[in-house]
C-alpha atoms as a PDB file:
ATOM      1  CA  MET A   1     218.678 253.088 -28.900  1.00  0.00           C
ATOM      2  CA  VAL A   2     221.385 255.350 -27.214  1.00  0.00           C
ATOM      3  CA  TYR A   3     218.716 257.878 -26.521  1.00  0.00           C
ATOM      4  CA  ALA A   4     215.954 255.490 -25.533  1.00  0.00           C
ATOM      5  CA  CYS A   5     218.305 253.473 -22.983  1.00  0.00           C
ATOM      6  CA  ARG A   6     219.687 256.757 -21.704  1.00  0.00           C
ATOM      7  CA  ASN A   7     216.081 258.422 -21.159  1.00  0.00           C
ATOM      8  CA  THR A   8     215.042 254.921 -19.373  1.00  0.00           C
ATOM      9  CA  ILE A   9     217.774 255.280 -17.003  1.00  0.00           C
ATOM     10  CA  MET A  10     217.091 258.956 -16.296  1.00  0.00           C
ATOM     11  CA  VAL A  11     213.755 258.412 -15.582  1.00  0.00           C
ATOM     12  CA  ILE A  12     214.431 255.398 -13.191  1.00  0.00           C
ATOM     13  CA  ALA A  13     217.210 257.665 -11.349  1.00  0.00           C
ATOM     14  CA  PHE A  14     214.390 260.431 -11.200  1.00  0.00           C
ATOM     15  CA  ILE A  15     212.034 258.081  -9.403  1.00  0.00           C
ATOM     16  CA  ALA A  16     214.220 256.390  -7.181  1.00  0.00           C
ATOM     17  CA  VAL A  17     215.898 259.427  -5.739  1.00  0.00           C
ATOM     18  CA  ALA A  18     212.741 261.643  -5.862  1.00  0.00           C
ATOM     19  CA  SER A  19     211.009 258.982  -3.782  1.00  0.00           C
ATOM     20  CA  VAL A  20     213.431 258.235  -1.217  1.00  0.00           C
ATOM     21  CA  SER A  21     213.939 261.870  -0.802  1.00  0.00           C
ATOM     22  CA  ILE A  22     210.046 262.083   0.092  1.00  0.00           C
ATOM     23  CA  LEU A  23     210.327 259.220   2.275  1.00  0.00           C
ATOM     24  CA  TRP A  24     212.938 260.876   4.305  1.00  0.00           C
ATOM     25  CA  ASP A  25     210.759 264.041   4.687  1.00  0.00           C
ATOM     26  CA  LEU A  26     212.600 266.373   2.656  1.00  0.00           C
ATOM     27  CA  ASN A  27     211.385 269.424   1.241  1.00  0.00           C
ATOM     28  CA  GLY A  28     209.227 268.644  -2.013  1.00  0.00           C
ATOM     29  CA  TYR A  29     211.504 271.366  -3.988  1.00  0.00           C
ATOM     30  CA  ILE A  30     214.568 270.045  -2.616  1.00  0.00           C
ATOM     31  CA  ALA A  31     213.563 266.336  -3.468  1.00  0.00           C
ATOM     32  CA  CYS A  32     212.860 267.277  -7.002  1.00  0.00           C
ATOM     33  CA  GLY A  33     215.813 268.806  -7.482  1.00  0.00           C
ATOM     34  CA  LEU A  34     218.047 266.075  -5.966  1.00  0.00           C
ATOM     35  CA  ALA A  35     216.150 263.812  -8.453  1.00  0.00           C
ATOM     36  CA  LEU A  36     216.622 265.984 -11.366  1.00  0.00           C
ATOM     37  CA  ALA A  37     220.666 266.478 -10.750  1.00  0.00           C
ATOM     38  CA  ALA A  38     220.735 262.494 -10.126  1.00  0.00           C
ATOM     39  CA  SER A  39     218.838 261.914 -13.351  1.00  0.00           C
ATOM     40  CA  VAL A  40     220.788 264.285 -15.496  1.00  0.00           C
ATOM     41  CA  ALA A  41     224.262 262.679 -14.172  1.00  0.00           C
ATOM     42  CA  ALA A  42     223.024 259.319 -14.832  1.00  0.00           C
ATOM     43  CA  GLY A  43     221.912 260.247 -18.229  1.00  0.00           C
ATOM     44  CA  PHE A  44     225.413 261.899 -18.842  1.00  0.00           C
ATOM     45  CA  CYS A  45     227.351 258.745 -17.441  1.00  0.00           C
ATOM     46  CA  VAL A  46     225.170 256.331 -19.589  1.00  0.00           C
ATOM     47  CA  GLU A  47     225.749 257.971 -22.532  1.00  0.00           C
ATOM     48  CA  ARG A  48     229.427 258.546 -22.125  1.00  0.00           C
ATOM     49  CA  ALA A  49     229.564 254.593 -21.690  1.00  0.00           C
ATOM     50  CA  PHE A  50     228.218 254.122 -24.828  1.00  0.00           C
ATOM     51  CA  ILE A  51     230.472 256.354 -26.608  1.00  0.00           C
ATOM     52  CA  ASN A  52     233.773 254.776 -24.803  1.00  0.00           C
ATOM     53  CA  ARG A  53     232.164 251.280 -25.942  1.00  0.00           C
ATOM     54  CA  SER A  54     232.074 252.303 -29.391  1.00  0.00           C
ATOM     55  CA  HIS A  55     235.674 253.938 -29.326  1.00  0.00           C
ATOM     56  CA  ARG A  56     236.990 250.574 -28.100  1.00  0.00           C
ATOM     57  CA  GLU A  57     235.178 248.598 -31.013  1.00  0.00           C
ATOM     58  CA  MET A  58     236.556 250.831 -33.594  1.00  0.00           C
ATOM     59  CA  ILE A  59     239.707 250.308 -31.982  1.00  0.00           C
ATOM     60  CA  SER A  60     239.631 246.867 -32.060  1.00  0.00           C
ATOM     61  CA  LEU A  61     238.206 247.001 -35.727  1.00  0.00           C
ATOM     62  CA  HIS A  62     240.743 249.129 -37.124  1.00  0.00           C
ATOM     63  CA  GLY A  63     243.695 249.617 -35.109  1.00  0.00           C
ATOM     64  CA  ALA A  64     244.644 252.412 -32.685  1.00  0.00           C
ATOM     65  CA  ASP A  65     245.103 254.981 -35.418  1.00  0.00           C
ATOM     66  CA  TRP A  66     241.401 254.782 -36.759  1.00  0.00           C
ATOM     67  CA  GLN A  67     240.851 258.297 -35.923  1.00  0.00           C
ATOM     68  CA  VAL A  68     243.969 259.833 -37.850  1.00  0.00           C
ATOM     69  CA  ALA A  69     243.174 262.067 -40.874  1.00  0.00           C
ATOM     70  CA  GLY A  70     245.895 262.881 -42.860  1.00  0.00           C
ATOM     71  CA  GLY A  71     248.810 261.218 -40.826  1.00  0.00           C
ATOM     72  CA  GLU A  72     248.529 263.705 -37.872  1.00  0.00           C
ATOM     73  CA  ARG A  73     248.315 261.806 -34.340  1.00  0.00           C
ATOM     74  CA  GLU A  74     246.212 263.897 -31.665  1.00  0.00           C
ATOM     75  CA  GLY A  75     245.642 262.185 -28.276  1.00  0.00           C
ATOM     76  CA  PRO A  76     247.516 259.908 -25.832  1.00  0.00           C
ATOM     77  CA  ALA A  77     248.699 258.147 -29.065  1.00  0.00           C
ATOM     78  CA  SER A  78     250.713 261.052 -29.947  1.00  0.00           C
ATOM     79  CA  THR A  79     254.586 261.127 -30.162  1.00  0.00           C
ATOM     80  CA  GLY A  80     254.875 264.410 -28.806  1.00  0.00           C
ATOM     81  CA  LYS A  81     256.752 265.826 -31.784  1.00  0.00           C
ATOM     82  CA  ALA A  82     255.849 269.359 -32.869  1.00  0.00           C
ATOM     83  CA  LYS A  83     253.649 269.868 -36.001  1.00  0.00           C
ATOM     84  CA  GLU A  84     255.436 271.114 -39.058  1.00  0.00           C
END
């Protein structure tokens, strides 16, 4: 589902940016490059949103330490103590 949604957003972003760029009489190569860059950026943003949503769901289901393996904390929840 993530890939289908991401690809749909990428196609919509490409078509929208390419059509607006062509309507503004930009060079075809520049319009295609801008559309491709916008498409890739939109795809990354959508994929990252899905990842963040799944992380929030895991935290709500299993608590803040659902990622902890072997009792070691990493990331913003760490206490700042050195590993022994």
